[in-house]
Amino acid sequence: MISVDTAFKALSLNNITPDIILSIDPNIRPDHFFMEHTNNVALVYFPKINPLILEQWRGPKYSAYSTSQLYDELADKYPKLRLFTNGSVVHPAIDLAVYLGAYQISLFGCDFCYTRNKTHAFWPDGSLGPQINNAKHWLINGRGNRVPTDLNFRGYLRSLEEFIKSKPNIKFYQSSLDGARIHGAQYKDFLK
């Protein structure tokens, strides 16, 4: 199981321990994690993350770079795995699963919109940046309904859909009809 950084606390509170956490954002802080639960969890990170996270992380740590030109010079000197991203930590998490040989990828919490009037499932409104009352855009969810979102979330969704299209040999599943309809991902009810 690969998780994005901001999902780790919610997973931990539900006694779910991912194998890998992926973190790329310099705005993520150590208090976004339960550091005491990181002993057996690998961290894959981009070099710009908060160095305090690296100091406090108890499990193994592996650096990677995005495929952006920003990392080209650094990658020439210090080669690392290059992972696709276009603004969302979801992108490199999924690309890492592909790199590790996944032939089926199930997406949980990849809503790209404000389901149940929340910007992020676990965190209070605005604590990770966007706020629900600032949403000026919308998209169609898995039920065919319009749901509020921000322009950047729509962009992240489109980038993910293009990535999925480029991987025809991998089966993608989305676990919720409340989140954005992800073209190229089939809905699968994991509760049955």
N, C-alpha and C. Protein backbone atom coordinates (compact mmCIF):
# COMPACT_ATOMS: atom_id res chain seq x y z
N MET A 1 0.84 -1.17 0.00
CA MET A 1 0.00 0.00 0.00
C MET A 1 0.88 1.24 0.00
N ILE A 2 0.64 2.11 -0.95
CA ILE A 2 1.34 3.39 -1.04
C ILE A 2 0.35 4.47 -0.66
N SER A 3 0.73 5.32 0.25
CA SER A 3 -0.14 6.40 0.71
C SER A 3 0.54 7.74 0.48
N VAL A 4 -0.27 8.76 0.29
CA VAL A 4 0.27 10.12 0.25
C VAL A 4 0.42 10.59 1.69
N ASP A 5 1.28 11.56 1.89
CA ASP A 5 1.65 12.03 3.22
C ASP A 5 0.46 12.46 4.08
N THR A 6 -0.46 13.23 3.54
CA THR A 6 -1.54 13.77 4.36
C THR A 6 -2.61 12.73 4.70
N ALA A 7 -2.52 11.53 4.16
CA ALA A 7 -3.47 10.47 4.51
C ALA A 7 -2.95 9.61 5.67
N PHE A 8 -1.68 9.77 6.02
CA PHE A 8 -1.06 8.88 7.01
C PHE A 8 -1.74 8.93 8.38
N LYS A 9 -2.08 10.12 8.87
CA LYS A 9 -2.71 10.22 10.19
C LYS A 9 -4.06 9.51 10.20
N ALA A 10 -4.86 9.74 9.18
CA ALA A 10 -6.18 9.11 9.11
C ALA A 10 -6.04 7.59 9.05
N LEU A 11 -5.09 7.11 8.26
CA LEU A 11 -4.87 5.67 8.19
C LEU A 11 -4.44 5.11 9.54
N SER A 12 -3.49 5.80 10.19
CA SER A 12 -2.99 5.35 11.49
C SER A 12 -4.12 5.27 12.53
N LEU A 13 -4.99 6.26 12.52
CA LEU A 13 -6.10 6.27 13.47
C LEU A 13 -7.08 5.12 13.23
N ASN A 14 -7.03 4.54 12.05
CA ASN A 14 -7.89 3.40 11.71
C ASN A 14 -7.09 2.09 11.66
N ASN A 15 -5.91 2.10 12.32
CA ASN A 15 -5.05 0.92 12.42
C ASN A 15 -4.65 0.35 11.06
N ILE A 16 -4.43 1.24 10.11
CA ILE A 16 -3.94 0.84 8.79
C ILE A 16 -2.54 1.40 8.64
N THR A 17 -1.59 0.52 8.36
CA THR A 17 -0.20 0.96 8.20
C THR A 17 0.22 0.73 6.75
N PRO A 18 0.44 1.81 6.01
CA PRO A 18 0.90 1.64 4.62
C PRO A 18 2.34 1.15 4.59
N ASP A 19 2.73 0.58 3.47
CA ASP A 19 4.11 0.15 3.28
C ASP A 19 5.02 1.32 2.97
N ILE A 20 4.47 2.27 2.18
CA ILE A 20 5.24 3.41 1.69
C ILE A 20 4.40 4.67 1.82
N ILE A 21 5.05 5.74 2.27
CA ILE A 21 4.44 7.08 2.26
C ILE A 21 5.22 7.89 1.24
N LEU A 22 4.50 8.65 0.41
CA LEU A 22 5.15 9.51 -0.56
C LEU A 22 4.90 10.97 -0.18
N SER A 23 5.97 11.77 -0.18
CA SER A 23 5.86 13.18 0.19
C SER A 23 6.71 14.03 -0.74
N ILE A 24 6.13 15.10 -1.27
CA ILE A 24 6.87 15.97 -2.20
C ILE A 24 6.78 17.44 -1.84
N ASP A 25 5.85 17.82 -1.00
CA ASP A 25 5.52 19.22 -0.77
C ASP A 25 6.34 19.82 0.38
N PRO A 26 7.05 20.92 0.15
CA PRO A 26 7.83 21.54 1.24
C PRO A 26 6.97 22.11 2.35
N ASN A 27 5.65 22.25 2.12
CA ASN A 27 4.75 22.79 3.15
C ASN A 27 4.26 21.73 4.13
N ILE A 28 4.51 20.47 3.85
CA ILE A 28 4.12 19.41 4.78
C ILE A 28 5.11 19.41 5.94
N ARG A 29 4.56 19.32 7.16
CA ARG A 29 5.37 19.42 8.37
C ARG A 29 5.36 18.09 9.14
N PRO A 30 6.28 17.92 10.07
CA PRO A 30 6.27 16.69 10.87
C PRO A 30 4.95 16.44 11.60
N ASP A 31 4.24 17.50 11.98
CA ASP A 31 2.98 17.30 12.70
C ASP A 31 1.85 16.79 11.79
N HIS A 32 2.11 16.66 10.50
CA HIS A 32 1.15 16.02 9.61
C HIS A 32 1.21 14.49 9.73
N PHE A 33 2.17 13.98 10.50
CA PHE A 33 2.37 12.55 10.68
C PHE A 33 2.32 12.19 12.15
N PHE A 34 2.09 10.92 12.43
CA PHE A 34 2.38 10.35 13.75
C PHE A 34 3.77 9.74 13.60
N MET A 35 4.79 10.48 13.90
CA MET A 35 6.16 10.00 13.68
C MET A 35 6.46 8.72 14.46
N GLU A 36 5.79 8.54 15.59
CA GLU A 36 6.03 7.32 16.38
C GLU A 36 5.51 6.07 15.67
N HIS A 37 4.74 6.24 14.58
CA HIS A 37 4.21 5.10 13.82
C HIS A 37 4.99 4.85 12.52
N THR A 38 6.15 5.46 12.37
CA THR A 38 6.87 5.37 11.09
C THR A 38 7.99 4.33 11.08
N ASN A 39 8.14 3.57 12.14
CA ASN A 39 9.25 2.61 12.22
C ASN A 39 9.32 1.66 11.03
N ASN A 40 8.20 1.12 10.61
CA ASN A 40 8.18 0.11 9.56
C ASN A 40 7.58 0.63 8.26
N VAL A 41 7.63 1.94 8.11
CA VAL A 41 7.06 2.56 6.91
C VAL A 41 8.18 3.27 6.15
N ALA A 42 8.29 2.94 4.87
CA ALA A 42 9.30 3.60 4.03
C ALA A 42 8.77 4.96 3.58
N LEU A 43 9.65 5.92 3.53
CA LEU A 43 9.32 7.26 3.03
C LEU A 43 10.03 7.46 1.69
N VAL A 44 9.26 7.77 0.66
CA VAL A 44 9.82 8.17 -0.62
C VAL A 44 9.52 9.66 -0.74
N TYR A 45 10.56 10.46 -0.98
CA TYR A 45 10.40 11.90 -0.92
C TYR A 45 11.18 12.59 -2.03
N PHE A 46 10.73 13.79 -2.35
CA PHE A 46 11.47 14.66 -3.24
C PHE A 46 12.35 15.56 -2.37
N PRO A 47 13.50 16.00 -2.88
CA PRO A 47 14.47 16.74 -2.06
C PRO A 47 13.96 18.03 -1.41
N LYS A 48 12.86 18.57 -1.89
CA LYS A 48 12.40 19.84 -1.34
C LYS A 48 11.53 19.71 -0.09
N ILE A 49 11.30 18.47 0.39
CA ILE A 49 10.44 18.36 1.57
C ILE A 49 11.14 18.95 2.80
N ASN A 50 10.37 19.21 3.80
CA ASN A 50 10.85 19.78 5.05
C ASN A 50 11.91 18.85 5.65
N PRO A 51 13.13 19.34 5.89
CA PRO A 51 14.19 18.48 6.43
C PRO A 51 13.87 17.91 7.81
N LEU A 52 12.98 18.55 8.56
CA LEU A 52 12.61 18.02 9.87
C LEU A 52 11.89 16.68 9.74
N ILE A 53 11.18 16.49 8.64
CA ILE A 53 10.53 15.19 8.41
C ILE A 53 11.59 14.11 8.29
N LEU A 54 12.63 14.39 7.52
CA LEU A 54 13.71 13.41 7.35
C LEU A 54 14.41 13.11 8.67
N GLU A 55 14.60 14.12 9.48
CA GLU A 55 15.27 13.93 10.78
C GLU A 55 14.43 13.05 11.71
N GLN A 56 13.12 13.23 11.66
CA GLN A 56 12.25 12.54 12.63
C GLN A 56 11.70 11.20 12.12
N TRP A 57 11.80 10.95 10.83
CA TRP A 57 11.25 9.70 10.27
C TRP A 57 12.06 8.51 10.78
N ARG A 58 11.40 7.50 11.30
CA ARG A 58 12.08 6.36 11.92
C ARG A 58 12.35 5.21 10.95
N GLY A 59 11.57 5.13 9.90
CA GLY A 59 11.74 4.03 8.94
C GLY A 59 12.72 4.39 7.84
N PRO A 60 12.85 3.50 6.85
CA PRO A 60 13.76 3.77 5.73
C PRO A 60 13.30 4.96 4.90
N LYS A 61 14.26 5.65 4.29
CA LYS A 61 13.98 6.85 3.49
C LYS A 61 14.67 6.71 2.13
N TYR A 62 13.91 7.06 1.08
CA TYR A 62 14.44 6.98 -0.28
C TYR A 62 14.08 8.25 -1.03
N SER A 63 15.07 8.89 -1.60
CA SER A 63 14.77 10.10 -2.36
C SER A 63 14.52 9.75 -3.82
N ALA A 64 13.72 10.58 -4.45
CA ALA A 64 13.39 10.45 -5.87
C ALA A 64 13.25 11.87 -6.41
N TYR A 65 13.16 11.98 -7.71
CA TYR A 65 12.96 13.27 -8.35
C TYR A 65 11.72 13.22 -9.22
N SER A 66 11.17 14.38 -9.48
CA SER A 66 10.09 14.45 -10.46
C SER A 66 10.71 14.42 -11.85
N THR A 67 9.87 14.22 -12.85
CA THR A 67 10.35 14.22 -14.23
C THR A 67 10.48 15.64 -14.77
N SER A 68 10.19 16.62 -13.94
CA SER A 68 10.31 18.03 -14.32
C SER A 68 11.76 18.40 -14.64
N GLN A 69 11.93 19.36 -15.54
CA GLN A 69 13.27 19.87 -15.88
C GLN A 69 13.98 20.43 -14.66
N LEU A 70 13.22 20.82 -13.67
CA LEU A 70 13.78 21.36 -12.43
C LEU A 70 14.83 20.42 -11.83
N TYR A 71 14.66 19.11 -12.02
CA TYR A 71 15.56 18.13 -11.43
C TYR A 71 16.59 17.56 -12.41
N ASP A 72 16.61 18.03 -13.65
CA ASP A 72 17.51 17.46 -14.65
C ASP A 72 18.98 17.55 -14.24
N GLU A 73 19.42 18.73 -13.85
CA GLU A 73 20.84 18.91 -13.50
C GLU A 73 21.22 18.06 -12.28
N LEU A 74 20.36 18.06 -11.29
CA LEU A 74 20.61 17.27 -10.08
C LEU A 74 20.64 15.78 -10.42
N ALA A 75 19.72 15.35 -11.29
CA ALA A 75 19.66 13.93 -11.69
C ALA A 75 20.91 13.51 -12.48
N ASP A 76 21.51 14.44 -13.22
CA ASP A 76 22.75 14.13 -13.94
C ASP A 76 23.89 13.84 -12.96
N LYS A 77 23.95 14.62 -11.88
CA LYS A 77 25.02 14.45 -10.89
C LYS A 77 24.74 13.30 -9.92
N TYR A 78 23.47 13.20 -9.49
CA TYR A 78 23.08 12.20 -8.48
C TYR A 78 21.82 11.48 -8.97
N PRO A 79 21.99 10.48 -9.80
CA PRO A 79 20.83 9.80 -10.38
C PRO A 79 19.91 9.18 -9.32
N LYS A 80 18.63 9.35 -9.52
CA LYS A 80 17.59 8.79 -8.67
C LYS A 80 16.41 8.40 -9.56
N LEU A 81 15.49 7.68 -9.00
CA LEU A 81 14.25 7.36 -9.68
C LEU A 81 13.52 8.66 -10.03
N ARG A 82 13.02 8.77 -11.24
CA ARG A 82 12.26 9.94 -11.67
C ARG A 82 10.79 9.55 -11.74
N LEU A 83 9.94 10.28 -11.04
CA LEU A 83 8.52 9.98 -10.97
C LEU A 83 7.69 11.11 -11.56
N PHE A 84 6.64 10.74 -12.26
CA PHE A 84 5.73 11.72 -12.86
C PHE A 84 5.00 12.50 -11.78
N THR A 85 4.92 13.79 -11.96
CA THR A 85 4.05 14.62 -11.13
C THR A 85 3.64 15.84 -11.93
N ASN A 86 2.46 16.29 -11.64
CA ASN A 86 1.97 17.53 -12.24
C ASN A 86 1.18 18.30 -11.20
N GLY A 87 1.80 18.48 -10.03
CA GLY A 87 1.22 19.31 -8.99
C GLY A 87 0.65 18.57 -7.80
N SER A 88 0.31 17.31 -7.95
CA SER A 88 -0.30 16.56 -6.85
C SER A 88 0.60 15.41 -6.43
N VAL A 89 0.66 15.15 -5.14
CA VAL A 89 1.42 14.02 -4.62
C VAL A 89 0.80 12.70 -5.06
N VAL A 90 -0.46 12.73 -5.46
CA VAL A 90 -1.12 11.52 -5.98
C VAL A 90 -0.37 11.00 -7.21
N HIS A 91 0.07 11.90 -8.09
CA HIS A 91 0.73 11.48 -9.33
C HIS A 91 1.97 10.63 -9.09
N PRO A 92 2.96 11.08 -8.31
CA PRO A 92 4.14 10.23 -8.11
C PRO A 92 3.83 8.97 -7.30
N ALA A 93 2.81 9.02 -6.44
CA ALA A 93 2.44 7.81 -5.70
C ALA A 93 1.97 6.73 -6.66
N ILE A 94 1.18 7.12 -7.64
CA ILE A 94 0.68 6.17 -8.63
C ILE A 94 1.81 5.73 -9.56
N ASP A 95 2.66 6.66 -9.96
CA ASP A 95 3.79 6.30 -10.82
C ASP A 95 4.74 5.34 -10.10
N LEU A 96 4.90 5.52 -8.79
CA LEU A 96 5.74 4.61 -8.01
C LEU A 96 5.14 3.20 -8.03
N ALA A 97 3.83 3.10 -7.91
CA ALA A 97 3.17 1.79 -7.98
C ALA A 97 3.44 1.13 -9.34
N VAL A 98 3.39 1.92 -10.40
CA VAL A 98 3.69 1.41 -11.74
C VAL A 98 5.14 0.93 -11.80
N TYR A 99 6.05 1.74 -11.30
CA TYR A 99 7.48 1.39 -11.29
C TYR A 99 7.72 0.09 -10.53
N LEU A 100 6.98 -0.13 -9.46
CA LEU A 100 7.16 -1.32 -8.64
C LEU A 100 6.47 -2.55 -9.23
N GLY A 101 5.82 -2.38 -10.39
CA GLY A 101 5.26 -3.53 -11.09
C GLY A 101 3.78 -3.78 -10.92
N ALA A 102 3.05 -2.84 -10.36
CA ALA A 102 1.61 -3.04 -10.20
C ALA A 102 0.93 -3.17 -11.56
N TYR A 103 0.03 -4.10 -11.67
CA TYR A 103 -0.75 -4.24 -12.90
C TYR A 103 -2.22 -3.88 -12.65
N GLN A 104 -2.57 -3.70 -11.38
CA GLN A 104 -3.87 -3.17 -10.98
C GLN A 104 -3.62 -2.14 -9.88
N ILE A 105 -4.23 -0.98 -10.02
CA ILE A 105 -4.05 0.08 -9.03
C ILE A 105 -5.43 0.56 -8.60
N SER A 106 -5.68 0.49 -7.30
CA SER A 106 -6.95 0.95 -6.73
C SER A 106 -6.72 2.27 -6.03
N LEU A 107 -7.55 3.25 -6.38
CA LEU A 107 -7.41 4.60 -5.86
C LEU A 107 -8.43 4.84 -4.75
N PHE A 108 -7.96 5.20 -3.58
CA PHE A 108 -8.81 5.53 -2.44
C PHE A 108 -8.54 6.98 -2.05
N GLY A 109 -9.58 7.77 -1.92
CA GLY A 109 -9.42 9.15 -1.50
C GLY A 109 -8.91 10.09 -2.57
N CYS A 110 -8.87 9.66 -3.80
CA CYS A 110 -8.45 10.52 -4.92
C CYS A 110 -9.70 11.20 -5.49
N ASP A 111 -10.23 12.14 -4.74
CA ASP A 111 -11.51 12.75 -5.09
C ASP A 111 -11.39 13.91 -6.06
N PHE A 112 -10.36 14.73 -5.93
CA PHE A 112 -10.13 15.91 -6.77
C PHE A 112 -11.28 16.90 -6.71
N CYS A 113 -12.11 16.78 -5.68
CA CYS A 113 -13.23 17.71 -5.49
C CYS A 113 -13.58 17.72 -4.02
N TYR A 114 -14.58 18.50 -3.69
CA TYR A 114 -14.95 18.67 -2.29
C TYR A 114 -16.16 17.82 -1.96
N THR A 115 -15.91 16.53 -1.75
CA THR A 115 -17.00 15.63 -1.37
C THR A 115 -17.39 15.90 0.08
N ARG A 116 -18.66 15.80 0.32
CA ARG A 116 -19.20 16.02 1.67
C ARG A 116 -18.76 17.37 2.25
N ASN A 117 -18.60 18.35 1.37
CA ASN A 117 -18.21 19.72 1.77
C ASN A 117 -16.89 19.77 2.53
N LYS A 118 -15.93 18.94 2.11
CA LYS A 118 -14.60 18.95 2.71
C LYS A 118 -13.56 19.02 1.60
N THR A 119 -12.49 19.77 1.84
CA THR A 119 -11.41 19.83 0.87
C THR A 119 -10.54 18.58 0.95
N HIS A 120 -10.34 18.05 2.16
CA HIS A 120 -9.56 16.84 2.39
C HIS A 120 -10.29 16.03 3.46
N ALA A 121 -10.36 14.73 3.28
CA ALA A 121 -11.21 13.88 4.12
C ALA A 121 -10.92 14.01 5.62
N PHE A 122 -9.68 14.04 6.01
CA PHE A 122 -9.33 13.99 7.43
C PHE A 122 -9.11 15.37 8.05
N TRP A 123 -8.64 16.31 7.27
CA TRP A 123 -8.16 17.58 7.80
C TRP A 123 -9.25 18.66 7.83
N PRO A 124 -9.18 19.56 8.82
CA PRO A 124 -10.15 20.66 8.86
C PRO A 124 -10.01 21.56 7.62
N ASP A 125 -11.11 22.16 7.24
CA ASP A 125 -11.15 23.03 6.07
C ASP A 125 -10.06 24.10 6.15
N GLY A 126 -9.27 24.21 5.10
CA GLY A 126 -8.24 25.23 5.01
C GLY A 126 -6.90 24.85 5.60
N SER A 127 -6.83 23.76 6.37
CA SER A 127 -5.57 23.43 7.03
C SER A 127 -4.50 22.94 6.05
N LEU A 128 -4.91 22.49 4.87
CA LEU A 128 -3.93 22.06 3.86
C LEU A 128 -3.92 23.01 2.67
N GLY A 129 -4.47 24.19 2.84
CA GLY A 129 -4.45 25.20 1.77
C GLY A 129 -5.83 25.62 1.32
N PRO A 130 -6.44 24.84 0.41
CA PRO A 130 -7.73 25.28 -0.14
C PRO A 130 -8.85 25.29 0.90
N GLN A 131 -9.85 26.12 0.63
CA GLN A 131 -11.01 26.21 1.50
C GLN A 131 -12.27 26.01 0.67
N ILE A 132 -13.24 25.32 1.25
CA ILE A 132 -14.46 24.98 0.53
C ILE A 132 -15.21 26.22 0.06
N ASN A 133 -15.23 27.29 0.86
CA ASN A 133 -15.99 28.48 0.46
C ASN A 133 -15.32 29.27 -0.66
N ASN A 134 -14.11 28.90 -1.03
CA ASN A 134 -13.42 29.57 -2.13
C ASN A 134 -13.56 28.83 -3.46
N ALA A 135 -14.25 27.68 -3.45
CA ALA A 135 -14.38 26.87 -4.66
C ALA A 135 -15.22 27.62 -5.69
N LYS A 136 -14.62 27.87 -6.85
CA LYS A 136 -15.31 28.59 -7.92
C LYS A 136 -15.53 27.70 -9.15
N HIS A 137 -15.12 26.45 -9.06
CA HIS A 137 -15.21 25.54 -10.19
C HIS A 137 -15.98 24.29 -9.77
N TRP A 138 -16.24 23.45 -10.73
CA TRP A 138 -16.94 22.20 -10.46
C TRP A 138 -16.48 21.15 -11.45
N LEU A 139 -16.81 19.91 -11.13
CA LEU A 139 -16.59 18.80 -12.05
C LEU A 139 -17.70 17.78 -11.81
N ILE A 140 -17.72 16.74 -12.62
CA ILE A 140 -18.75 15.70 -12.50
C ILE A 140 -18.19 14.53 -11.69
N ASN A 141 -18.98 14.10 -10.70
CA ASN A 141 -18.51 12.96 -9.90
C ASN A 141 -18.98 11.65 -10.51
N GLY A 142 -18.70 10.54 -9.85
CA GLY A 142 -19.04 9.22 -10.34
C GLY A 142 -20.53 8.95 -10.43
N ARG A 143 -21.33 9.79 -9.79
CA ARG A 143 -22.79 9.65 -9.84
C ARG A 143 -23.42 10.54 -10.92
N GLY A 144 -22.56 11.30 -11.62
CA GLY A 144 -23.07 12.20 -12.65
C GLY A 144 -23.51 13.56 -12.14
N ASN A 145 -23.15 13.87 -10.90
CA ASN A 145 -23.54 15.15 -10.29
C ASN A 145 -22.39 16.15 -10.32
N ARG A 146 -22.75 17.43 -10.37
CA ARG A 146 -21.75 18.49 -10.26
C ARG A 146 -21.33 18.62 -8.81
N VAL A 147 -20.02 18.69 -8.58
CA VAL A 147 -19.49 18.89 -7.23
C VAL A 147 -18.45 20.00 -7.27
N PRO A 148 -18.36 20.80 -6.21
CA PRO A 148 -17.41 21.91 -6.20
C PRO A 148 -15.96 21.44 -6.14
N THR A 149 -15.10 22.25 -6.74
CA THR A 149 -13.67 21.97 -6.73
C THR A 149 -12.92 23.27 -7.00
N ASP A 150 -11.62 23.20 -7.04
CA ASP A 150 -10.78 24.32 -7.43
C ASP A 150 -10.14 24.00 -8.76
N LEU A 151 -9.69 25.02 -9.45
CA LEU A 151 -9.10 24.83 -10.77
C LEU A 151 -7.87 23.92 -10.70
N ASN A 152 -7.05 24.06 -9.66
CA ASN A 152 -5.87 23.21 -9.58
C ASN A 152 -6.25 21.74 -9.40
N PHE A 153 -7.30 21.43 -8.65
CA PHE A 153 -7.75 20.05 -8.49
C PHE A 153 -8.21 19.48 -9.83
N ARG A 154 -8.88 20.30 -10.63
CA ARG A 154 -9.32 19.84 -11.96
C ARG A 154 -8.09 19.54 -12.82
N GLY A 155 -7.07 20.37 -12.72
CA GLY A 155 -5.84 20.14 -13.46
C GLY A 155 -5.16 18.85 -13.03
N TYR A 156 -5.15 18.57 -11.72
CA TYR A 156 -4.55 17.33 -11.22
C TYR A 156 -5.32 16.12 -11.78
N LEU A 157 -6.64 16.24 -11.82
CA LEU A 157 -7.46 15.16 -12.37
C LEU A 157 -7.14 14.91 -13.83
N ARG A 158 -7.07 15.97 -14.62
CA ARG A 158 -6.77 15.81 -16.06
C ARG A 158 -5.39 15.19 -16.27
N SER A 159 -4.42 15.60 -15.48
CA SER A 159 -3.08 15.01 -15.59
C SER A 159 -3.09 13.53 -15.25
N LEU A 160 -3.85 13.16 -14.22
CA LEU A 160 -3.97 11.75 -13.86
C LEU A 160 -4.63 10.96 -14.99
N GLU A 161 -5.67 11.52 -15.59
CA GLU A 161 -6.35 10.83 -16.68
C GLU A 161 -5.42 10.63 -17.88
N GLU A 162 -4.58 11.62 -18.17
CA GLU A 162 -3.59 11.46 -19.25
C GLU A 162 -2.57 10.39 -18.90
N PHE A 163 -2.15 10.34 -17.65
CA PHE A 163 -1.22 9.31 -17.19
C PHE A 163 -1.84 7.93 -17.35
N ILE A 164 -3.09 7.78 -16.92
CA ILE A 164 -3.79 6.50 -17.04
C ILE A 164 -3.87 6.08 -18.50
N LYS A 165 -4.17 7.03 -19.36
CA LYS A 165 -4.27 6.74 -20.80
C LYS A 165 -2.94 6.22 -21.35
N SER A 166 -1.83 6.68 -20.77
CA SER A 166 -0.51 6.26 -21.24
C SER A 166 -0.09 4.88 -20.72
N LYS A 167 -0.93 4.26 -19.89
CA LYS A 167 -0.61 2.96 -19.28
C LYS A 167 -1.72 1.96 -19.60
N PRO A 168 -1.90 1.60 -20.88
CA PRO A 168 -3.03 0.74 -21.26
C PRO A 168 -2.96 -0.68 -20.69
N ASN A 169 -1.81 -1.12 -20.23
CA ASN A 169 -1.67 -2.48 -19.70
C ASN A 169 -1.96 -2.57 -18.20
N ILE A 170 -2.30 -1.43 -17.59
CA ILE A 170 -2.58 -1.40 -16.16
C ILE A 170 -4.05 -1.10 -15.96
N LYS A 171 -4.69 -1.84 -15.06
CA LYS A 171 -6.10 -1.64 -14.75
C LYS A 171 -6.19 -0.70 -13.55
N PHE A 172 -6.93 0.39 -13.70
CA PHE A 172 -7.13 1.37 -12.63
C PHE A 172 -8.56 1.28 -12.12
N TYR A 173 -8.69 1.33 -10.80
CA TYR A 173 -10.01 1.31 -10.17
C TYR A 173 -10.15 2.54 -9.27
N GLN A 174 -11.34 3.12 -9.25
CA GLN A 174 -11.62 4.16 -8.26
C GLN A 174 -12.63 3.60 -7.28
N SER A 175 -12.49 3.96 -6.02
CA SER A 175 -13.26 3.33 -4.95
C SER A 175 -14.48 4.12 -4.51
N SER A 176 -14.71 5.28 -5.08
CA SER A 176 -15.82 6.12 -4.64
C SER A 176 -16.52 6.74 -5.83
N LEU A 177 -17.85 6.80 -5.75
CA LEU A 177 -18.64 7.51 -6.75
C LEU A 177 -18.86 8.97 -6.35
N ASP A 178 -18.53 9.30 -5.09
CA ASP A 178 -18.71 10.68 -4.62
C ASP A 178 -17.63 11.61 -5.14
N GLY A 179 -16.45 11.07 -5.39
CA GLY A 179 -15.34 11.87 -5.92
C GLY A 179 -15.46 12.04 -7.41
N ALA A 180 -14.50 12.73 -7.98
CA ALA A 180 -14.49 13.00 -9.42
C ALA A 180 -14.54 11.71 -10.22
N ARG A 181 -15.27 11.75 -11.32
CA ARG A 181 -15.25 10.64 -12.27
C ARG A 181 -13.88 10.67 -12.93
N ILE A 182 -13.09 9.61 -12.75
CA ILE A 182 -11.75 9.54 -13.31
C ILE A 182 -11.81 8.70 -14.59
N HIS A 183 -11.69 9.36 -15.72
CA HIS A 183 -11.73 8.66 -17.00
C HIS A 183 -10.54 7.70 -17.10
N GLY A 184 -10.84 6.47 -17.45
CA GLY A 184 -9.80 5.44 -17.54
C GLY A 184 -9.74 4.56 -16.30
N ALA A 185 -10.46 4.95 -15.25
CA ALA A 185 -10.53 4.14 -14.03
C ALA A 185 -11.95 3.61 -13.89
N GLN A 186 -12.06 2.34 -13.62
CA GLN A 186 -13.36 1.70 -13.45
C GLN A 186 -13.75 1.77 -11.98
N TYR A 187 -15.04 2.02 -11.71
CA TYR A 187 -15.50 2.01 -10.32
C TYR A 187 -15.55 0.57 -9.82
N LYS A 188 -15.08 0.38 -8.59
CA LYS A 188 -15.14 -0.93 -7.95
C LYS A 188 -15.59 -0.74 -6.52
N ASP A 189 -16.62 -1.46 -6.11
CA ASP A 189 -17.12 -1.38 -4.75
C ASP A 189 -16.28 -2.32 -3.89
N PHE A 190 -15.43 -1.76 -3.06
CA PHE A 190 -14.53 -2.57 -2.23
C PHE A 190 -15.20 -3.03 -0.94
N LEU A 191 -16.44 -2.61 -0.70
CA LEU A 191 -17.13 -3.00 0.53
C LEU A 191 -17.93 -4.29 0.37
N LYS A 192 -18.07 -4.78 -0.85
CA LYS A 192 -18.82 -6.02 -1.07
C LYS A 192 -17.97 -7.23 -0.79
